[in-house]
C-alpha atoms as a PDB file:
ATOM      1  CA  MET A   1     -18.731  11.993 -16.831  1.00  0.00           C
ATOM      2  CA  ALA A   2     -16.788  10.952 -19.928  1.00  0.00           C
ATOM      3  CA  LEU A   3     -14.140  10.731 -18.119  1.00  0.00           C
ATOM      4  CA  ARG A   4     -15.964   8.551 -15.446  1.00  0.00           C
ATOM      5  CA  ALA A   5     -17.251   5.948 -18.156  1.00  0.00           C
ATOM      6  CA  ALA A   6     -13.880   5.850 -19.492  1.00  0.00           C
ATOM      7  CA  LEU A   7     -12.031   4.742 -16.332  1.00  0.00           C
ATOM      8  CA  LEU A   8     -14.921   2.119 -15.758  1.00  0.00           C
ATOM      9  CA  ALA A   9     -14.686   0.651 -19.031  1.00  0.00           C
ATOM     10  CA  ALA A  10     -11.231   0.453 -19.016  1.00  0.00           C
ATOM     11  CA  SER A  11     -10.453  -0.807 -15.365  1.00  0.00           C
ATOM     12  CA  LEU A  12     -10.589  -4.447 -16.523  1.00  0.00           C
ATOM     13  CA  MET A  13      -8.437  -4.055 -19.317  1.00  0.00           C
ATOM     14  CA  CYS A  14      -5.774  -2.897 -16.442  1.00  0.00           C
ATOM     15  CA  ALA A  15      -5.936  -6.217 -14.683  1.00  0.00           C
ATOM     16  CA  VAL A  16      -4.885  -7.944 -17.815  1.00  0.00           C
ATOM     17  CA  GLN A  17      -1.820  -6.188 -18.450  1.00  0.00           C
ATOM     18  CA  PRO A  18       2.024  -6.918 -17.689  1.00  0.00           C
ATOM     19  CA  GLY A  19       2.786  -6.523 -13.708  1.00  0.00           C
ATOM     20  CA  THR A  20       5.075  -3.784 -13.237  1.00  0.00           C
ATOM     21  CA  VAL A  21       3.781  -3.262  -9.815  1.00  0.00           C
ATOM     22  CA  ALA A  22       5.987  -4.018  -6.536  1.00  0.00           C
ATOM     23  CA  LEU A  23       3.519  -5.889  -4.355  1.00  0.00           C
ATOM     24  CA  ALA A  24       5.469  -5.559  -0.981  1.00  0.00           C
ATOM     25  CA  CYS A  25       6.208  -2.993   0.847  1.00  0.00           C
ATOM     26  CA  GLY A  26       9.772  -2.556  -0.663  1.00  0.00           C
ATOM     27  CA  ASP A  27      12.786  -0.536   1.180  1.00  0.00           C
ATOM     28  CA  GLY A  28      12.217   0.303   4.363  1.00  0.00           C
ATOM     29  CA  GLU A  29      10.001  -1.145   7.313  1.00  0.00           C
ATOM     30  CA  ALA A  30       6.471  -0.585   7.738  1.00  0.00           C
ATOM     31  CA  PRO A  31       5.345  -0.447  11.311  1.00  0.00           C
ATOM     32  CA  THR A  32       2.851  -2.584  10.494  1.00  0.00           C
ATOM     33  CA  SER A  33       1.750  -5.475   7.909  1.00  0.00           C
ATOM     34  CA  CYS A  34       1.670  -3.633   4.481  1.00  0.00           C
ATOM     35  CA  ASP A  35      -2.386  -3.816   4.011  1.00  0.00           C
ATOM     36  CA  ASP A  36      -2.966  -2.893   7.791  1.00  0.00           C
ATOM     37  CA  PRO A  37      -6.016  -0.596   7.073  1.00  0.00           C
ATOM     38  CA  SER A  38      -5.907   1.504   9.833  1.00  0.00           C
ATOM     39  CA  PRO A  39      -5.299   5.910   9.715  1.00  0.00           C
ATOM     40  CA  ASN A  40      -2.050   5.609  11.725  1.00  0.00           C
ATOM     41  CA  GLY A  41      -0.960   2.568   9.951  1.00  0.00           C
ATOM     42  CA  PHE A  42       0.161   1.474   6.229  1.00  0.00           C
ATOM     43  CA  ALA A  43      -1.512   4.689   4.903  1.00  0.00           C
ATOM     44  CA  SER A  44      -0.019   7.506   6.936  1.00  0.00           C
ATOM     45  CA  TRP A  45       3.301   5.336   6.991  1.00  0.00           C
ATOM     46  CA  MET A  46       3.186   5.474   3.249  1.00  0.00           C
ATOM     47  CA  LEU A  47       2.320   9.221   2.771  1.00  0.00           C
ATOM     48  CA  GLY A  48       5.485   9.983   4.861  1.00  0.00           C
ATOM     49  CA  ARG A  49       7.398   7.975   2.084  1.00  0.00           C
ATOM     50  CA  VAL A  50       5.549   9.900  -0.584  1.00  0.00           C
ATOM     51  CA  SER A  51       6.416  13.191   0.870  1.00  0.00           C
ATOM     52  CA  HIS A  52       9.925  12.671   1.113  1.00  0.00           C
ATOM     53  CA  ALA A  53      10.467  11.182  -2.133  1.00  0.00           C
ATOM     54  CA  LEU A  54       8.855  14.271  -3.749  1.00  0.00           C
ATOM     55  CA  GLN A  55      11.333  16.488  -1.968  1.00  0.00           C
ATOM     56  CA  ALA A  56      14.211  14.778  -3.065  1.00  0.00           C
ATOM     57  CA  ASP A  57      12.872  14.035  -6.738  1.00  0.00           C
ATOM     58  CA  PRO A  58       9.494  14.812  -7.754  1.00  0.00           C
ATOM     59  CA  ALA A  59       9.895  13.400 -11.350  1.00  0.00           C
ATOM     60  CA  LYS A  60      11.018  10.193  -9.964  1.00  0.00           C
ATOM     61  CA  ALA A  61       8.936  10.170  -7.360  1.00  0.00           C
ATOM     62  CA  LEU A  62       5.865  10.417  -9.379  1.00  0.00           C
ATOM     63  CA  THR A  63       6.807   7.585 -12.125  1.00  0.00           C
ATOM     64  CA  GLU A  64       7.440   5.412  -9.127  1.00  0.00           C
ATOM     65  CA  PHE A  65       3.694   6.027  -7.813  1.00  0.00           C
ATOM     66  CA  THR A  66       2.580   5.565 -11.160  1.00  0.00           C
ATOM     67  CA  ALA A  67       4.764   2.111 -11.983  1.00  0.00           C
ATOM     68  CA  GLY A  68       4.189   1.004  -8.210  1.00  0.00           C
ATOM     69  CA  THR A  69       7.920   0.471  -7.863  1.00  0.00           C
ATOM     70  CA  ASN A  70      10.170   0.999  -5.039  1.00  0.00           C
ATOM     71  CA  GLY A  71       7.529  -0.050  -2.416  1.00  0.00           C
ATOM     72  CA  PHE A  72       4.796   2.028  -3.533  1.00  0.00           C
ATOM     73  CA  ARG A  73       2.122  -0.437  -4.088  1.00  0.00           C
ATOM     74  CA  THR A  74       0.658  -3.107  -2.359  1.00  0.00           C
ATOM     75  CA  ALA A  75      -2.288  -5.643  -3.586  1.00  0.00           C
ATOM     76  CA  ASP A  76      -5.116  -3.163  -3.851  1.00  0.00           C
ATOM     77  CA  THR A  77      -3.962  -0.270  -2.377  1.00  0.00           C
ATOM     78  CA  TYR A  78      -1.452   2.817  -4.203  1.00  0.00           C
ATOM     79  CA  VAL A  79      -0.248   6.053  -4.458  1.00  0.00           C
ATOM     80  CA  PHE A  80      -2.216   8.803  -6.479  1.00  0.00           C
ATOM     81  CA  CYS A  81      -1.259  12.419  -6.922  1.00  0.00           C
ATOM     82  CA  VAL A  82      -2.968  15.174  -8.561  1.00  0.00           C
ATOM     83  CA  GLY A  83      -1.264  18.442  -9.702  1.00  0.00           C
ATOM     84  CA  PRO A  84      -2.059  22.206  -9.016  1.00  0.00           C
ATOM     85  CA  ASP A  85      -3.723  22.316 -12.540  1.00  0.00           C
ATOM     86  CA  GLY A  86      -5.909  19.317 -11.771  1.00  0.00           C
ATOM     87  CA  VAL A  87      -4.218  16.835 -13.690  1.00  0.00           C
ATOM     88  CA  MET A  88      -3.680  13.457 -12.450  1.00  0.00           C
ATOM     89  CA  SER A  89       0.346  13.385 -12.336  1.00  0.00           C
ATOM     90  CA  ALA A  90       0.624   9.782 -10.729  1.00  0.00           C
ATOM     91  CA  HIS A  91      -1.884   6.665 -10.937  1.00  0.00           C
ATOM     92  CA  PRO A  92      -1.569   3.489 -12.080  1.00  0.00           C
ATOM     93  CA  ASN A  93      -4.713   3.529 -14.299  1.00  0.00           C
ATOM     94  CA  PRO A  94      -3.572   5.435 -17.741  1.00  0.00           C
ATOM     95  CA  ILE A  95      -7.437   6.521 -18.056  1.00  0.00           C
ATOM     96  CA  LEU A  96      -6.286   8.749 -15.224  1.00  0.00           C
ATOM     97  CA  LYS A  97      -3.164   9.741 -15.720  1.00  0.00           C
ATOM     98  CA  GLY A  98      -2.170  13.058 -17.268  1.00  0.00           C
ATOM     99  CA  HIS A  99      -5.765  14.230 -17.617  1.00  0.00           C
ATOM    100  CA  ASP A 100      -7.912  16.806 -15.996  1.00  0.00           C
ATOM    101  CA  VAL A 101      -9.586  14.850 -13.031  1.00  0.00           C
ATOM    102  CA  ARG A 102     -11.232  17.618 -10.847  1.00  0.00           C
ATOM    103  CA  ASP A 103     -14.683  16.401 -12.393  1.00  0.00           C
ATOM    104  CA  LEU A 104     -13.917  13.059 -11.648  1.00  0.00           C
ATOM    105  CA  HIS A 105     -17.230  11.868  -9.130  1.00  0.00           C
ATOM    106  CA  ASP A 106     -18.717   8.363  -7.952  1.00  0.00           C
ATOM    107  CA  LYS A 107     -22.401   7.627  -8.216  1.00  0.00           C
ATOM    108  CA  THR A 108     -23.733   9.673  -5.618  1.00  0.00           C
ATOM    109  CA  GLY A 109     -22.298  12.735  -7.073  1.00  0.00           C
ATOM    110  CA  ASN A 110     -19.338  12.972  -4.893  1.00  0.00           C
ATOM    111  CA  HIS A 111     -16.688  15.185  -6.264  1.00  0.00           C
ATOM    112  CA  PHE A 112     -14.041  13.137  -4.183  1.00  0.00           C
ATOM    113  CA  ILE A 113     -10.811  14.751  -6.048  1.00  0.00           C
ATOM    114  CA  GLN A 114     -11.910  18.359  -6.096  1.00  0.00           C
ATOM    115  CA  THR A 115     -12.676  18.254  -2.278  1.00  0.00           C
ATOM    116  CA  MET A 116      -8.979  16.819  -1.755  1.00  0.00           C
ATOM    117  CA  LEU A 117      -7.460  19.597  -3.597  1.00  0.00           C
ATOM    118  CA  ASP A 118      -9.613  21.882  -1.790  1.00  0.00           C
ATOM    119  CA  THR A 119      -8.584  20.760   1.568  1.00  0.00           C
ATOM    120  CA  ALA A 120      -5.144  19.283   1.529  1.00  0.00           C
ATOM    121  CA  LYS A 121      -2.523  20.907   3.710  1.00  0.00           C
ATOM    122  CA  PRO A 122       1.120  20.221   4.244  1.00  0.00           C
ATOM    123  CA  GLY A 123       2.105  18.240   7.381  1.00  0.00           C
ATOM    124  CA  GLN A 124      -1.695  17.197   7.880  1.00  0.00           C
ATOM    125  CA  ILE A 125      -3.298  14.135   7.051  1.00  0.00           C
ATOM    126  CA  ALA A 126      -7.179  14.451   5.862  1.00  0.00           C
ATOM    127  CA  VAL A 127      -9.589  11.582   5.415  1.00  0.00           C
ATOM    128  CA  ILE A 128     -12.656  10.976   2.815  1.00  0.00           C
ATOM    129  CA  HIS A 129     -14.910   8.046   1.653  1.00  0.00           C
ATOM    130  CA  TYR A 130     -16.204   7.455  -1.550  1.00  0.00           C
ATOM    131  CA  LEU A 131     -17.096   4.928  -4.168  1.00  0.00           C
ATOM    132  CA  PHE A 132     -14.441   3.614  -6.672  1.00  0.00           C
ATOM    133  CA  PRO A 133     -13.777   0.310  -8.349  1.00  0.00           C
ATOM    134  CA  LYS A 134     -10.885  -1.983  -7.104  1.00  0.00           C
ATOM    135  CA  PRO A 135      -8.067  -2.475  -9.815  1.00  0.00           C
ATOM    136  CA  GLY A 136      -9.553  -5.084 -12.180  1.00  0.00           C
ATOM    137  CA  SER A 137     -13.614  -4.222 -11.088  1.00  0.00           C
ATOM    138  CA  THR A 138     -16.015  -2.465 -12.427  1.00  0.00           C
ATOM    139  CA  THR A 139     -17.848  -2.509  -9.679  1.00  0.00           C
ATOM    140  CA  GLU A 140     -17.837   1.018  -7.348  1.00  0.00           C
ATOM    141  CA  GLU A 141     -17.158   0.193  -3.800  1.00  0.00           C
ATOM    142  CA  PRO A 142     -16.440   2.309  -0.611  1.00  0.00           C
ATOM    143  CA  LYS A 143     -12.993   3.562  -0.162  1.00  0.00           C
ATOM    144  CA  THR A 144     -11.600   5.658   2.486  1.00  0.00           C
ATOM    145  CA  THR A 145      -8.572   7.710   1.213  1.00  0.00           C
ATOM    146  CA  TYR A 146      -6.302   9.665   3.308  1.00  0.00           C
ATOM    147  CA  TYR A 147      -4.358  12.212   1.536  1.00  0.00           C
ATOM    148  CA  THR A 148      -1.772  15.502   2.211  1.00  0.00           C
ATOM    149  CA  ARG A 149      -0.507  17.821   0.060  1.00  0.00           C
ATOM    150  CA  ALA A 150       3.538  17.240  -0.287  1.00  0.00           C
ATOM    151  CA  GLY A 151       4.902  20.826  -2.453  1.00  0.00           C
ATOM    152  CA  ASP A 152       2.255  21.509  -5.255  1.00  0.00           C
ATOM    153  CA  GLN A 153       1.261  17.694  -5.171  1.00  0.00           C
ATOM    154  CA  MET A 154      -2.202  16.351  -3.727  1.00  0.00           C
ATOM    155  CA  CYS A 155      -1.093  13.233  -3.144  1.00  0.00           C
ATOM    156  CA  ALA A 156      -3.133   9.961  -1.241  1.00  0.00           C
ATOM    157  CA  VAL A 157      -3.479   6.426  -0.056  1.00  0.00           C
ATOM    158  CA  GLY A 158      -6.757   4.939  -0.355  1.00  0.00           C
ATOM    159  CA  VAL A 159      -7.798   1.738   1.264  1.00  0.00           C
ATOM    160  CA  TYR A 160     -11.118  -0.428   0.413  1.00  0.00           C
ATOM    161  CA  ASP A 161     -13.336  -0.705   3.332  1.00  0.00           C
ATOM    162  CA  THR A 162     -14.040  -4.172   2.247  1.00  0.00           C
ATOM    163  CA  ASP A 163     -10.384  -4.947   3.517  1.00  0.00           C
ATOM    164  CA  ALA A 164     -10.816  -2.773   6.368  1.00  0.00           C
ATOM    165  CA  SER A 165     -13.873  -4.748   7.838  1.00  0.00           C
ATOM    166  CA  ALA A 166     -11.582  -8.144   7.807  1.00  0.00           C
ATOM    167  CA  PRO A 167      -7.698  -6.949   8.099  1.00  0.00           C
ATOM    168  CA  ALA A 168      -6.781  -9.759   9.012  1.00  0.00           C
ATOM    169  CA  ALA A 169      -7.682 -11.609   6.038  1.00  0.00           C
ATOM    170  CA  ALA A 170      -6.280  -8.554   4.215  1.00  0.00           C
ATOM    171  CA  THR A 171      -3.093  -8.943   5.167  1.00  0.00           C
ATOM    172  CA  PRO A 172      -0.197 -12.139   3.334  1.00  0.00           C
ATOM    173  CA  ASP A 173      -0.577 -14.327   6.816  1.00  0.00           C
ATOM    174  CA  GLY A 174      -4.328 -14.235   6.452  1.00  0.00           C
ATOM    175  CA  ARG A 175      -4.326 -14.810   2.533  1.00  0.00           C
ATOM    176  CA  VAL A 176      -2.319 -17.603   2.477  1.00  0.00           C
ATOM    177  CA  ALA A 177      -4.519 -19.043   5.787  1.00  0.00           C
ATOM    178  CA  GLN A 178      -7.304 -18.155   3.842  1.00  0.00           C
ATOM    179  CA  LEU A 179      -5.849 -20.756   0.826  1.00  0.00           C
ATOM    180  CA  ARG A 180      -4.483 -23.414   3.414  1.00  0.00           C
ATOM    181  CA  GLN A 181      -7.815 -23.901   4.377  1.00  0.00           C
ATOM    182  CA  LYS A 182      -9.388 -23.726   0.913  1.00  0.00           C
ATOM    183  CA  LEU A 183      -7.101 -26.101  -0.277  1.00  0.00           C
ATOM    184  CA  ASP A 184      -6.927 -28.739   2.715  1.00  0.00           C
ATOM    185  CA  GLY A 185     -10.864 -29.230   1.532  1.00  0.00           C
ATOM    186  CA  VAL A 186      -9.854 -30.154  -1.828  1.00  0.00           C
ATOM    187  CA  ILE A 187      -6.782 -32.465  -1.743  1.00  0.00           C
ATOM    188  CA  PRO A 188      -7.610 -35.449  -3.262  1.00  0.00           C
ATOM    189  CA  SER A 189      -6.684 -38.590  -0.653  1.00  0.00           C
ATOM    190  CA  GLN A 190      -4.420 -39.990  -2.556  1.00  0.00           C
ATOM    191  CA  ALA A 191      -1.995 -36.196  -2.605  1.00  0.00           C
ATOM    192  CA  ARG A 192      -3.053 -35.993   1.792  1.00  0.00           C
ATOM    193  CA  ALA A 193       0.457 -37.219   2.685  1.00  0.00           C
ATOM    194  CA  ASP A 194       2.295 -34.830   0.165  1.00  0.00           C
ATOM    195  CA  TRP A 195       0.271 -32.046   1.287  1.00  0.00           C
ATOM    196  CA  ILE A 196       0.683 -32.657   4.892  1.00  0.00           C
ATOM    197  CA  ALA A 197       4.285 -33.000   4.496  1.00  0.00           C
ATOM    198  CA  PHE A 198       4.209 -29.280   2.143  1.00  0.00           C
ATOM    199  CA  LEU A 199       2.605 -27.846   5.278  1.00  0.00           C
ATOM    200  CA  GLU A 200       4.982 -29.232   7.629  1.00  0.00           C
ATOM    201  CA  ALA A 201       8.129 -28.320   5.016  1.00  0.00           C
ATOM    202  CA  LEU A 202       6.389 -24.439   4.760  1.00  0.00           C
ATOM    203  CA  ASN A 203       5.777 -24.301   8.942  1.00  0.00           C
ATOM    204  CA  ALA A 204       9.174 -25.286   8.924  1.00  0.00           C
ATOM    205  CA  GLN A 205      10.431 -22.422   6.763  1.00  0.00           C
ATOM    206  CA  GLY A 206       8.341 -19.428   8.419  1.00  0.00           C
ATOM    207  CA  ASP A 207       9.634 -20.789  11.781  1.00  0.00           C
ATOM    208  CA  ALA A 208      13.298 -20.749  10.523  1.00  0.00           C
ATOM    209  CA  LYS A 209      13.233 -17.005   8.977  1.00  0.00           C
ATOM    210  CA  ALA A 210      11.231 -16.182  12.276  1.00  0.00           C
ATOM    211  CA  ALA A 211      14.068 -17.310  14.422  1.00  0.00           C
ATOM    212  CA  ALA A 212      16.676 -15.421  11.887  1.00  0.00           C
ATOM    213  CA  ILE A 213      14.663 -12.161  12.537  1.00  0.00           C
ATOM    214  CA  ALA A 214      14.502 -12.676  16.293  1.00  0.00           C
ATOM    215  CA  GLN A 215      18.047 -13.356  16.513  1.00  0.00           C
ATOM    216  CA  ALA A 216      19.096 -10.240  14.215  1.00  0.00           C
ATOM    217  CA  ARG A 217      16.999  -7.922  16.464  1.00  0.00           C
ATOM    218  CA  HIS A 218      18.665  -9.485  19.631  1.00  0.00           C
ATOM    219  CA  ASP A 219      22.147  -8.512  17.874  1.00  0.00           C
ATOM    220  CA  VAL A 220      21.264  -5.303  16.635  1.00  0.00           C
ATOM    221  CA  GLN A 221      20.046  -4.490  20.332  1.00  0.00           C
ATOM    222  CA  ALA A 222      23.123  -5.764  21.801  1.00  0.00           C
ATOM    223  CA  ALA A 223      25.183  -3.705  19.647  1.00  0.00           C
ATOM    224  CA  ALA A 224      23.496  -0.866  20.263  1.00  0.00           C
ATOM    225  CA  ALA A 225      23.983  -1.022  23.762  1.00  0.00           C
ATOM    226  CA  ALA A 226      27.669  -1.880  23.384  1.00  0.00           C
ATOM    227  CA  LEU A 227      27.757   1.763  21.668  1.00  0.00           C
ATOM    228  CA  ASP A 228      25.611   3.365  24.190  1.00  0.00           C
ATOM    229  CA  SER A 229      27.914   1.995  27.238  1.00  0.00           C
ATOM    230  CA  ALA A 230      31.168   2.863  24.856  1.00  0.00           C
ATOM    231  CA  GLY A 231      29.810   6.560  24.338  1.00  0.00           C
ATOM    232  CA  SER A 232      28.838   6.523  27.844  1.00  0.00           C
ATOM    233  CA  ARG A 233      32.428   6.185  29.119  1.00  0.00           C
ATOM    234  CA  SER A 234      33.620   8.313  26.466  1.00  0.00           C
ATOM    235  CA  ALA A 235      31.771  11.024  27.678  1.00  0.00           C
ATOM    236  CA  GLY A 236      32.825  10.235  31.563  1.00  0.00           C
ATOM    237  CA  ALA A 237      36.573  10.371  31.040  1.00  0.00           C
ATOM    238  CA  GLU A 238      36.355  13.562  29.026  1.00  0.00           C
END
């Protein structure tokens, strides 16, 4: 109970700490948007990265999960891990990191950490629902968390249900669209021409990036086809 109270009291403090996390997918190619809340989307993909990182270098991996570096953090989605002794080995909130969290529960009495420790299995992704505050908030919100066992760690990635109910708005493109709509209604008339010019320039920049990505994909596919063809001719000659 004391740990839960300390967590809620410290949540707002975490919001004003200097940002050290990478608010993007980082290295690697996510199969979907970084904020995609689907069970077979971002969360599952991230847990795969978590398992590989722990296999390669456990100490480094846990440090990256806590800091949110190397792509292990998006806006409200982060990785956390609990060791076999019930101690939180990775979490962005310093109130939780390094503490025994087996008794951590939400206001309904759901001891979600203990449940995850009891049921996590290697190679399988399980799902649990509970209440937990978003970073920078003290209000507990419905959260869906996907978890697995990687080595001696139980690791998880959670998605807040408010984001899942409006996944388009949770994506970077969705947030930009919302901001555009909001600003469009408050831009003063004397700045309207500049605002329209800015949007046109922004759209042109986006189109250029999309064209460059499409060309790069085409070039990669062409190179792959050429390599396959060369391999087939070589096999035939033998």
